[in-house]
PDB file of N, CA and C in Angstrom:
ATOM      1  N   MET A   1       0.867  -1.192  -0.009  1.00  0.00           N
ATOM      2  CA  MET A   1      -0.041   0.020  -0.032  1.00  0.00           C
ATOM      3  C   MET A   1       0.917   1.234   0.001  1.00  0.00           C
ATOM      4  N   SER A   2       0.617   2.140  -0.873  1.00  0.00           N
ATOM      5  CA  SER A   2       1.369   3.439  -0.925  1.00  0.00           C
ATOM      6  C   SER A   2       1.000   4.339   0.152  1.00  0.00           C
ATOM      7  N   LEU A   3       1.913   5.263   0.422  1.00  0.00           N
ATOM      8  CA  LEU A   3       1.645   6.278   1.509  1.00  0.00           C
ATOM      9  C   LEU A   3       0.373   7.037   1.097  1.00  0.00           C
ATOM     10  N   GLN A   4       0.209   7.393  -0.213  1.00  0.00           N
ATOM     11  CA  GLN A   4      -0.972   8.128  -0.582  1.00  0.00           C
ATOM     12  C   GLN A   4      -2.285   7.372  -0.288  1.00  0.00           C
ATOM     13  N   ASN A   5      -2.243   6.038  -0.644  1.00  0.00           N
ATOM     14  CA  ASN A   5      -3.389   5.248  -0.432  1.00  0.00           C
ATOM     15  C   ASN A   5      -3.712   5.160   1.142  1.00  0.00           C
ATOM     16  N   LEU A   6      -2.713   5.011   1.987  1.00  0.00           N
ATOM     17  CA  LEU A   6      -2.836   4.989   3.361  1.00  0.00           C
ATOM     18  C   LEU A   6      -3.452   6.244   3.896  1.00  0.00           C
ATOM     19  N   LYS A   7      -2.988   7.372   3.316  1.00  0.00           N
ATOM     20  CA  LYS A   7      -3.518   8.739   3.742  1.00  0.00           C
ATOM     21  C   LYS A   7      -4.972   8.787   3.471  1.00  0.00           C
ATOM     22  N   GLU A   8      -5.323   8.418   2.092  1.00  0.00           N
ATOM     23  CA  GLU A   8      -6.683   8.513   1.647  1.00  0.00           C
ATOM     24  C   GLU A   8      -7.615   7.634   2.625  1.00  0.00           C
ATOM     25  N   ARG A   9      -7.111   6.470   2.817  1.00  0.00           N
ATOM     26  CA  ARG A   9      -7.902   5.594   3.719  1.00  0.00           C
ATOM     27  C   ARG A   9      -8.065   6.060   5.066  1.00  0.00           C
ATOM     28  N   ALA A  10      -7.043   6.631   5.751  1.00  0.00           N
ATOM     29  CA  ALA A  10      -7.077   7.174   7.105  1.00  0.00           C
ATOM     30  C   ALA A  10      -8.046   8.378   7.089  1.00  0.00           C
ATOM     31  N   LEU A  11      -8.018   9.142   6.021  1.00  0.00           N
ATOM     32  CA  LEU A  11      -8.836  10.455   6.031  1.00  0.00           C
ATOM     33  C   LEU A  11     -10.301  10.108   5.831  1.00  0.00           C
ATOM     34  N   LYS A  12     -10.684   8.990   5.594  1.00  0.00           N
ATOM     35  CA  LYS A  12     -12.134   8.602   5.525  1.00  0.00           C
ATOM     36  C   LYS A  12     -12.744   8.527   6.937  1.00  0.00           C
ATOM     37  N   ASN A  13     -11.859   8.400   7.943  1.00  0.00           N
ATOM     38  CA  ASN A  13     -12.280   8.492   9.331  1.00  0.00           C
ATOM     39  C   ASN A  13     -12.550   9.881   9.642  1.00  0.00           C
ATOM     40  N   LYS A  14     -13.767  10.253  10.169  1.00  0.00           N
ATOM     41  CA  LYS A  14     -14.023  11.619  10.412  1.00  0.00           C
ATOM     42  C   LYS A  14     -13.149  12.253  11.498  1.00  0.00           C
ATOM     43  N   GLU A  15     -12.822  11.507  12.532  1.00  0.00           N
ATOM     44  CA  GLU A  15     -11.974  12.000  13.470  1.00  0.00           C
ATOM     45  C   GLU A  15     -10.537  12.424  13.000  1.00  0.00           C
ATOM     46  N   VAL A  16     -10.001  11.456  12.135  1.00  0.00           N
ATOM     47  CA  VAL A  16      -8.694  11.728  11.607  1.00  0.00           C
ATOM     48  C   VAL A  16      -8.742  12.859  10.624  1.00  0.00           C
ATOM     49  N   HIS A  17      -9.851  12.890   9.856  1.00  0.00           N
ATOM     50  CA  HIS A  17      -9.918  14.045   8.908  1.00  0.00           C
ATOM     51  C   HIS A  17     -10.047  15.300   9.665  1.00  0.00           C
ATOM     52  N   THR A  18     -10.812  15.391  10.679  1.00  0.00           N
ATOM     53  CA  THR A  18     -10.911  16.656  11.428  1.00  0.00           C
ATOM     54  C   THR A  18      -9.502  17.067  12.012  1.00  0.00           C
ATOM     55  N   GLU A  19      -8.787  16.152  12.599  1.00  0.00           N
ATOM     56  CA  GLU A  19      -7.492  16.477  13.183  1.00  0.00           C
ATOM     57  C   GLU A  19      -6.469  16.856  11.993  1.00  0.00           C
ATOM     58  N   TYR A  20      -6.494  16.182  10.964  1.00  0.00           N
ATOM     59  CA  TYR A  20      -5.642  16.502   9.800  1.00  0.00           C
ATOM     60  C   TYR A  20      -5.918  17.941   9.362  1.00  0.00           C
ATOM     61  N   GLU A  21      -7.191  18.320   9.186  1.00  0.00           N
ATOM     62  CA  GLU A  21      -7.524  19.729   8.816  1.00  0.00           C
ATOM     63  C   GLU A  21      -6.983  20.697   9.851  1.00  0.00           C
ATOM     64  N   ARG A  22      -7.086  20.373  11.042  1.00  0.00           N
ATOM     65  CA  ARG A  22      -6.714  21.246  12.193  1.00  0.00           C
ATOM     66  C   ARG A  22      -5.156  21.537  12.134  1.00  0.00           C
ATOM     67  N   LEU A  23      -4.433  20.523  11.665  1.00  0.00           N
ATOM     68  CA  LEU A  23      -2.874  20.541  11.639  1.00  0.00           C
ATOM     69  C   LEU A  23      -2.411  20.932  10.337  1.00  0.00           C
ATOM     70  N   GLU A  24      -3.209  21.099   9.257  1.00  0.00           N
ATOM     71  CA  GLU A  24      -2.842  21.375   7.941  1.00  0.00           C
ATOM     72  C   GLU A  24      -2.024  22.617   7.832  1.00  0.00           C
ATOM     73  N   SER A  25      -2.433  23.697   8.407  1.00  0.00           N
ATOM     74  CA  SER A  25      -1.672  24.946   8.288  1.00  0.00           C
ATOM     75  C   SER A  25      -0.359  24.844   8.922  1.00  0.00           C
ATOM     76  N   GLU A  26      -0.204  24.158  10.100  1.00  0.00           N
ATOM     77  CA  GLU A  26       1.090  23.924  10.711  1.00  0.00           C
ATOM     78  C   GLU A  26       2.024  23.096   9.802  1.00  0.00           C
ATOM     79  N   PHE A  27       1.450  22.086   9.212  1.00  0.00           N
ATOM     80  CA  PHE A  27       2.300  21.328   8.250  1.00  0.00           C
ATOM     81  C   PHE A  27       2.795  22.120   7.138  1.00  0.00           C
ATOM     82  N   ALA A  28       1.963  22.984   6.617  1.00  0.00           N
ATOM     83  CA  ALA A  28       2.253  23.826   5.391  1.00  0.00           C
ATOM     84  C   ALA A  28       3.322  24.805   5.850  1.00  0.00           C
ATOM     85  N   PHE A  29       3.272  25.302   7.010  1.00  0.00           N
ATOM     86  CA  PHE A  29       4.285  26.223   7.486  1.00  0.00           C
ATOM     87  C   PHE A  29       5.653  25.601   7.592  1.00  0.00           C
ATOM     88  N   ILE A  30       5.632  24.355   8.157  1.00  0.00           N
ATOM     89  CA  ILE A  30       6.878  23.593   8.343  1.00  0.00           C
ATOM     90  C   ILE A  30       7.517  23.308   6.929  1.00  0.00           C
ATOM     91  N   ASP A  31       6.658  22.921   5.983  1.00  0.00           N
ATOM     92  CA  ASP A  31       7.055  22.661   4.618  1.00  0.00           C
ATOM     93  C   ASP A  31       7.735  23.980   4.031  1.00  0.00           C
ATOM     94  N   GLN A  32       7.157  25.152   4.414  1.00  0.00           N
ATOM     95  CA  GLN A  32       7.709  26.400   3.893  1.00  0.00           C
ATOM     96  C   GLN A  32       9.105  26.604   4.484  1.00  0.00           C
ATOM     97  N   LEU A  33       9.265  26.348   5.738  1.00  0.00           N
ATOM     98  CA  LEU A  33      10.582  26.483   6.373  1.00  0.00           C
ATOM     99  C   LEU A  33      11.610  25.612   5.646  1.00  0.00           C
ATOM    100  N   LEU A  34      11.219  24.331   5.433  1.00  0.00           N
ATOM    101  CA  LEU A  34      12.159  23.411   4.763  1.00  0.00           C
ATOM    102  C   LEU A  34      12.493  23.902   3.465  1.00  0.00           C
ATOM    103  N   SER A  35      11.413  24.349   2.721  1.00  0.00           N
ATOM    104  CA  SER A  35      11.750  24.941   1.264  1.00  0.00           C
ATOM    105  C   SER A  35      12.732  26.073   1.299  1.00  0.00           C
ATOM    106  N   MET A  36      12.567  26.942   2.277  1.00  0.00           N
ATOM    107  CA  MET A  36      13.545  28.098   2.272  1.00  0.00           C
ATOM    108  C   MET A  36      14.942  27.578   2.501  1.00  0.00           C
ATOM    109  N   ARG A  37      15.172  26.593   3.474  1.00  0.00           N
ATOM    110  CA  ARG A  37      16.500  26.113   3.742  1.00  0.00           C
ATOM    111  C   ARG A  37      17.016  25.388   2.577  1.00  0.00           C
ATOM    112  N   LYS A  38      16.246  24.604   1.879  1.00  0.00           N
ATOM    113  CA  LYS A  38      16.712  23.869   0.698  1.00  0.00           C
ATOM    114  C   LYS A  38      16.930  24.806  -0.508  1.00  0.00           C
ATOM    115  N   GLN A  39      16.145  25.821  -0.667  1.00  0.00           N
ATOM    116  CA  GLN A  39      16.477  26.791  -1.681  1.00  0.00           C
ATOM    117  C   GLN A  39      17.658  27.522  -1.443  1.00  0.00           C
ATOM    118  N   ALA A  40      18.089  27.726  -0.184  1.00  0.00           N
ATOM    119  CA  ALA A  40      19.333  28.432   0.161  1.00  0.00           C
ATOM    120  C   ALA A  40      20.468  27.435   0.102  1.00  0.00           C
ATOM    121  N   GLY A  41      20.195  26.107  -0.062  1.00  0.00           N
ATOM    122  CA  GLY A  41      21.286  25.141  -0.187  1.00  0.00           C
ATOM    123  C   GLY A  41      21.998  24.965   1.068  1.00  0.00           C
ATOM    124  N   LEU A  42      21.383  25.024   2.110  1.00  0.00           N
ATOM    125  CA  LEU A  42      21.879  24.905   3.448  1.00  0.00           C
ATOM    126  C   LEU A  42      21.534  23.588   4.131  1.00  0.00           C
ATOM    127  N   THR A  43      22.465  23.013   4.952  1.00  0.00           N
ATOM    128  CA  THR A  43      22.129  21.972   5.801  1.00  0.00           C
ATOM    129  C   THR A  43      21.619  22.518   7.085  1.00  0.00           C
ATOM    130  N   GLN A  44      21.078  21.712   7.984  1.00  0.00           N
ATOM    131  CA  GLN A  44      20.691  22.156   9.227  1.00  0.00           C
ATOM    132  C   GLN A  44      21.845  22.679  10.069  1.00  0.00           C
ATOM    133  N   GLU A  45      22.900  22.011   9.925  1.00  0.00           N
ATOM    134  CA  GLU A  45      24.178  22.487  10.679  1.00  0.00           C
ATOM    135  C   GLU A  45      24.650  23.895  10.169  1.00  0.00           C
ATOM    136  N   GLN A  46      24.606  24.056   8.824  1.00  0.00           N
ATOM    137  CA  GLN A  46      25.086  25.387   8.297  1.00  0.00           C
ATOM    138  C   GLN A  46      24.047  26.461   8.722  1.00  0.00           C
ATOM    139  N   LEU A  47      22.768  26.134   8.696  1.00  0.00           N
ATOM    140  CA  LEU A  47      21.796  27.135   9.124  1.00  0.00           C
ATOM    141  C   LEU A  47      21.944  27.420  10.612  1.00  0.00           C
ATOM    142  N   ALA A  48      22.138  26.475  11.405  1.00  0.00           N
ATOM    143  CA  ALA A  48      22.317  26.717  12.838  1.00  0.00           C
ATOM    144  C   ALA A  48      23.553  27.580  13.080  1.00  0.00           C
ATOM    145  N   MET A  49      24.680  27.445  12.369  1.00  0.00           N
ATOM    146  CA  MET A  49      25.818  28.266  12.402  1.00  0.00           C
ATOM    147  C   MET A  49      25.435  29.662  12.104  1.00  0.00           C
ATOM    148  N   ARG A  50      24.753  29.867  11.076  1.00  0.00           N
ATOM    149  CA  ARG A  50      24.290  31.252  10.748  1.00  0.00           C
ATOM    150  C   ARG A  50      23.407  31.857  11.742  1.00  0.00           C
ATOM    151  N   MET A  51      22.655  31.082  12.415  1.00  0.00           N
ATOM    152  CA  MET A  51      21.659  31.593  13.444  1.00  0.00           C
ATOM    153  C   MET A  51      22.322  31.601  14.811  1.00  0.00           C
ATOM    154  N   HIS A  52      23.550  31.193  14.997  1.00  0.00           N
ATOM    155  CA  HIS A  52      24.198  31.176  16.243  1.00  0.00           C
ATOM    156  C   HIS A  52      23.420  30.233  17.221  1.00  0.00           C
ATOM    157  N   THR A  53      23.093  29.076  16.809  1.00  0.00           N
ATOM    158  CA  THR A  53      22.268  28.167  17.723  1.00  0.00           C
ATOM    159  C   THR A  53      22.770  26.794  17.395  1.00  0.00           C
ATOM    160  N   GLN A  54      22.175  25.809  17.953  1.00  0.00           N
ATOM    161  CA  GLN A  54      22.524  24.422  17.726  1.00  0.00           C
ATOM    162  C   GLN A  54      21.699  23.700  16.687  1.00  0.00           C
ATOM    163  N   LYS A  55      22.274  22.662  15.994  1.00  0.00           N
ATOM    164  CA  LYS A  55      21.511  22.026  15.054  1.00  0.00           C
ATOM    165  C   LYS A  55      20.302  21.364  15.578  1.00  0.00           C
ATOM    166  N   SER A  56      20.410  20.878  16.827  1.00  0.00           N
ATOM    167  CA  SER A  56      19.145  20.229  17.370  1.00  0.00           C
ATOM    168  C   SER A  56      17.981  21.201  17.426  1.00  0.00           C
ATOM    169  N   ASN A  57      18.242  22.591  17.593  1.00  0.00           N
ATOM    170  CA  ASN A  57      17.179  23.521  17.658  1.00  0.00           C
ATOM    171  C   ASN A  57      16.420  23.566  16.277  1.00  0.00           C
ATOM    172  N   ILE A  58      17.326  23.570  15.250  1.00  0.00           N
ATOM    173  CA  ILE A  58      16.826  23.654  13.901  1.00  0.00           C
ATOM    174  C   ILE A  58      15.999  22.356  13.595  1.00  0.00           C
ATOM    175  N   SER A  59      16.488  21.232  14.001  1.00  0.00           N
ATOM    176  CA  SER A  59      15.811  20.027  13.764  1.00  0.00           C
ATOM    177  C   SER A  59      14.454  20.040  14.484  1.00  0.00           C
ATOM    178  N   ARG A  60      14.334  20.470  15.716  1.00  0.00           N
ATOM    179  CA  ARG A  60      13.129  20.508  16.470  1.00  0.00           C
ATOM    180  C   ARG A  60      12.128  21.388  15.830  1.00  0.00           C
ATOM    181  N   LEU A  61      12.595  22.571  15.357  1.00  0.00           N
ATOM    182  CA  LEU A  61      11.801  23.508  14.641  1.00  0.00           C
ATOM    183  C   LEU A  61      11.178  22.898  13.339  1.00  0.00           C
ATOM    184  N   GLU A  62      12.013  22.242  12.581  1.00  0.00           N
ATOM    185  CA  GLU A  62      11.561  21.686  11.284  1.00  0.00           C
ATOM    186  C   GLU A  62      10.682  20.454  11.443  1.00  0.00           C
ATOM    187  N   ARG A  63      10.689  19.860  12.631  1.00  0.00           N
ATOM    188  CA  ARG A  63       9.884  18.717  12.970  1.00  0.00           C
ATOM    189  C   ARG A  63       8.520  19.121  13.555  1.00  0.00           C
ATOM    190  N   GLY A  64       8.379  20.387  13.947  1.00  0.00           N
ATOM    191  CA  GLY A  64       7.230  20.919  14.521  1.00  0.00           C
ATOM    192  C   GLY A  64       7.229  20.713  16.049  1.00  0.00           C
ATOM    193  N   ASN A  65       8.383  20.357  16.601  1.00  0.00           N
ATOM    194  CA  ASN A  65       8.493  20.094  18.035  1.00  0.00           C
ATOM    195  C   ASN A  65       9.080  21.349  18.864  1.00  0.00           C
ATOM    196  N   ALA A  66       8.668  22.483  18.337  1.00  0.00           N
ATOM    197  CA  ALA A  66       9.214  23.635  18.960  1.00  0.00           C
ATOM    198  C   ALA A  66       8.062  24.731  18.920  1.00  0.00           C
ATOM    199  N   ASN A  67       8.151  25.730  19.764  1.00  0.00           N
ATOM    200  CA  ASN A  67       7.244  26.737  19.765  1.00  0.00           C
ATOM    201  C   ASN A  67       8.009  28.069  19.667  1.00  0.00           C
ATOM    202  N   PRO A  68       8.432  28.370  18.354  1.00  0.00           N
ATOM    203  CA  PRO A  68       9.404  29.511  18.157  1.00  0.00           C
ATOM    204  C   PRO A  68       8.752  30.803  18.279  1.00  0.00           C
ATOM    205  N   SER A  69       9.596  31.772  18.681  1.00  0.00           N
ATOM    206  CA  SER A  69       9.162  33.196  18.757  1.00  0.00           C
ATOM    207  C   SER A  69       9.221  33.751  17.341  1.00  0.00           C
ATOM    208  N   TRP A  70       8.496  34.889  17.229  1.00  0.00           N
ATOM    209  CA  TRP A  70       8.527  35.576  15.919  1.00  0.00           C
ATOM    210  C   TRP A  70       9.987  35.935  15.520  1.00  0.00           C
ATOM    211  N   ALA A  71      10.791  36.369  16.590  1.00  0.00           N
ATOM    212  CA  ALA A  71      12.176  36.720  16.281  1.00  0.00           C
ATOM    213  C   ALA A  71      12.913  35.465  15.776  1.00  0.00           C
ATOM    214  N   THR A  72      12.630  34.372  16.295  1.00  0.00           N
ATOM    215  CA  THR A  72      13.434  33.124  15.838  1.00  0.00           C
ATOM    216  C   THR A  72      13.047  32.860  14.390  1.00  0.00           C
ATOM    217  N   LEU A  73      11.758  32.940  14.012  1.00  0.00           N
ATOM    218  CA  LEU A  73      11.278  32.716  12.683  1.00  0.00           C
ATOM    219  C   LEU A  73      11.892  33.650  11.717  1.00  0.00           C
ATOM    220  N   LEU A  74      12.062  34.891  12.171  1.00  0.00           N
ATOM    221  CA  LEU A  74      12.633  35.944  11.351  1.00  0.00           C
ATOM    222  C   LEU A  74      14.159  35.642  11.120  1.00  0.00           C
ATOM    223  N   LYS A  75      14.823  35.275  12.220  1.00  0.00           N
ATOM    224  CA  LYS A  75      16.221  34.814  12.040  1.00  0.00           C
ATOM    225  C   LYS A  75      16.423  33.651  11.092  1.00  0.00           C
ATOM    226  N   TYR A  76      15.489  32.675  11.134  1.00  0.00           N
ATOM    227  CA  TYR A  76      15.491  31.535  10.308  1.00  0.00           C
ATOM    228  C   TYR A  76      15.399  31.924   8.853  1.00  0.00           C
ATOM    229  N   ALA A  77      14.392  32.714   8.651  1.00  0.00           N
ATOM    230  CA  ALA A  77      14.150  33.199   7.217  1.00  0.00           C
ATOM    231  C   ALA A  77      15.361  34.007   6.713  1.00  0.00           C
ATOM    232  N   ASN A  78      15.832  34.976   7.459  1.00  0.00           N
ATOM    233  CA  ASN A  78      16.968  35.784   7.063  1.00  0.00           C
ATOM    234  C   ASN A  78      18.183  35.013   6.897  1.00  0.00           C
ATOM    235  N   ALA A  79      18.542  34.061   7.774  1.00  0.00           N
ATOM    236  CA  ALA A  79      19.668  33.181   7.549  1.00  0.00           C
ATOM    237  C   ALA A  79      19.590  32.355   6.201  1.00  0.00           C
ATOM    238  N   CYS A  80      18.396  32.097   5.739  1.00  0.00           N
ATOM    239  CA  CYS A  80      18.259  31.438   4.428  1.00  0.00           C
ATOM    240  C   CYS A  80      18.118  32.399   3.288  1.00  0.00           C
ATOM    241  N   GLY A  81      18.163  33.751   3.568  1.00  0.00           N
ATOM    242  CA  GLY A  81      18.116  34.750   2.497  1.00  0.00           C
ATOM    243  C   GLY A  81      16.792  35.072   2.153  1.00  0.00           C
ATOM    244  N   PHE A  82      15.813  34.925   3.001  1.00  0.00           N
ATOM    245  CA  PHE A  82      14.375  35.268   2.798  1.00  0.00           C
ATOM    246  C   PHE A  82      13.880  36.323   3.774  1.00  0.00           C
ATOM    247  N   GLU A  83      12.894  36.988   3.342  1.00  0.00           N
ATOM    248  CA  GLU A  83      12.111  37.847   4.330  1.00  0.00           C
ATOM    249  C   GLU A  83      10.873  37.103   4.701  1.00  0.00           C
ATOM    250  N   LEU A  84      10.393  37.372   5.873  1.00  0.00           N
ATOM    251  CA  LEU A  84       9.135  36.661   6.357  1.00  0.00           C
ATOM    252  C   LEU A  84       8.092  37.720   6.556  1.00  0.00           C
ATOM    253  N   SER A  85       6.882  37.423   6.174  1.00  0.00           N
ATOM    254  CA  SER A  85       5.817  38.302   6.352  1.00  0.00           C
ATOM    255  C   SER A  85       4.617  37.481   6.898  1.00  0.00           C
ATOM    256  N   LEU A  86       3.738  38.168   7.603  1.00  0.00           N
ATOM    257  CA  LEU A  86       2.492  37.565   8.127  1.00  0.00           C
ATOM    258  C   LEU A  86       1.338  38.011   7.398  1.00  0.00           C
ATOM    259  N   THR A  87       0.538  37.068   6.918  1.00  0.00           N
ATOM    260  CA  THR A  87      -0.760  37.525   6.205  1.00  0.00           C
ATOM    261  C   THR A  87      -1.904  36.868   6.974  1.00  0.00           C
ATOM    262  N   SER A  88      -3.112  37.428   6.765  1.00  0.00           N
ATOM    263  CA  SER A  88      -4.223  36.799   7.448  1.00  0.00           C
ATOM    264  C   SER A  88      -5.357  36.720   6.409  1.00  0.00           C
ATOM    265  N   HIS A  89      -6.325  35.744   6.626  1.00  0.00           N
ATOM    266  CA  HIS A  89      -7.458  35.786   5.863  1.00  0.00           C
ATOM    267  C   HIS A  89      -8.547  35.083   6.668  1.00  0.00           C
ATOM    268  N   LYS A  90      -9.780  35.493   6.335  1.00  0.00           N
ATOM    269  CA  LYS A  90     -10.936  35.002   7.054  1.00  0.00           C
ATOM    270  C   LYS A  90     -11.211  33.605   6.798  1.00  0.00           C
ATOM    271  N   MET A  91     -11.386  32.843   7.792  1.00  0.00           N
ATOM    272  CA  MET A  91     -11.664  31.397   7.581  1.00  0.00           C
ATOM    273  C   MET A  91     -13.077  31.187   7.181  1.00  0.00           C
ATOM    274  N   PRO A  92     -13.401  30.263   6.365  1.00  0.00           N
ATOM    275  CA  PRO A  92     -14.754  30.076   5.923  1.00  0.00           C
ATOM    276  C   PRO A  92     -15.508  29.504   7.141  1.00  0.00           C
ATOM    277  N   ASN A  93     -16.864  29.886   7.082  1.00  0.00           N
ATOM    278  CA  ASN A  93     -17.747  29.389   8.199  1.00  0.00           C
ATOM    279  C   ASN A  93     -18.065  27.906   7.959  1.00  0.00           C
ATOM    280  N   ASP A  94     -18.069  27.158   9.042  1.00  0.00           N
ATOM    281  CA  ASP A  94     -18.419  25.742   8.928  1.00  0.00           C
ATOM    282  C   ASP A  94     -19.882  25.677   9.302  1.00  0.00           C
ATOM    283  N   THR A  95     -20.678  25.477   8.273  1.00  0.00           N
ATOM    284  CA  THR A  95     -22.132  25.387   8.564  1.00  0.00           C
ATOM    285  C   THR A  95     -22.597  24.143   8.038  1.00  0.00           C
TER     286      THR A  95
END
């Protein structure tokens, strides 16, 4: 069974689907962090050196096991050669 098939099967469960939707924006943000680092051509260790921190902190951040401050996120983006901005949009009503 492929990962995609497993995901589709799991998402048929209403509770799993609800939790997946709740976490979707967090996963998308983590993907964005990884994309910045990869586009910069940096390893976690190189990024950590640029940020004056430890590789384990970068790893935790990229796994979603951290609660970073806005300043940390700005440092991460800047160390990768990116600017970071915050946007908002109204969520659709669940009716």
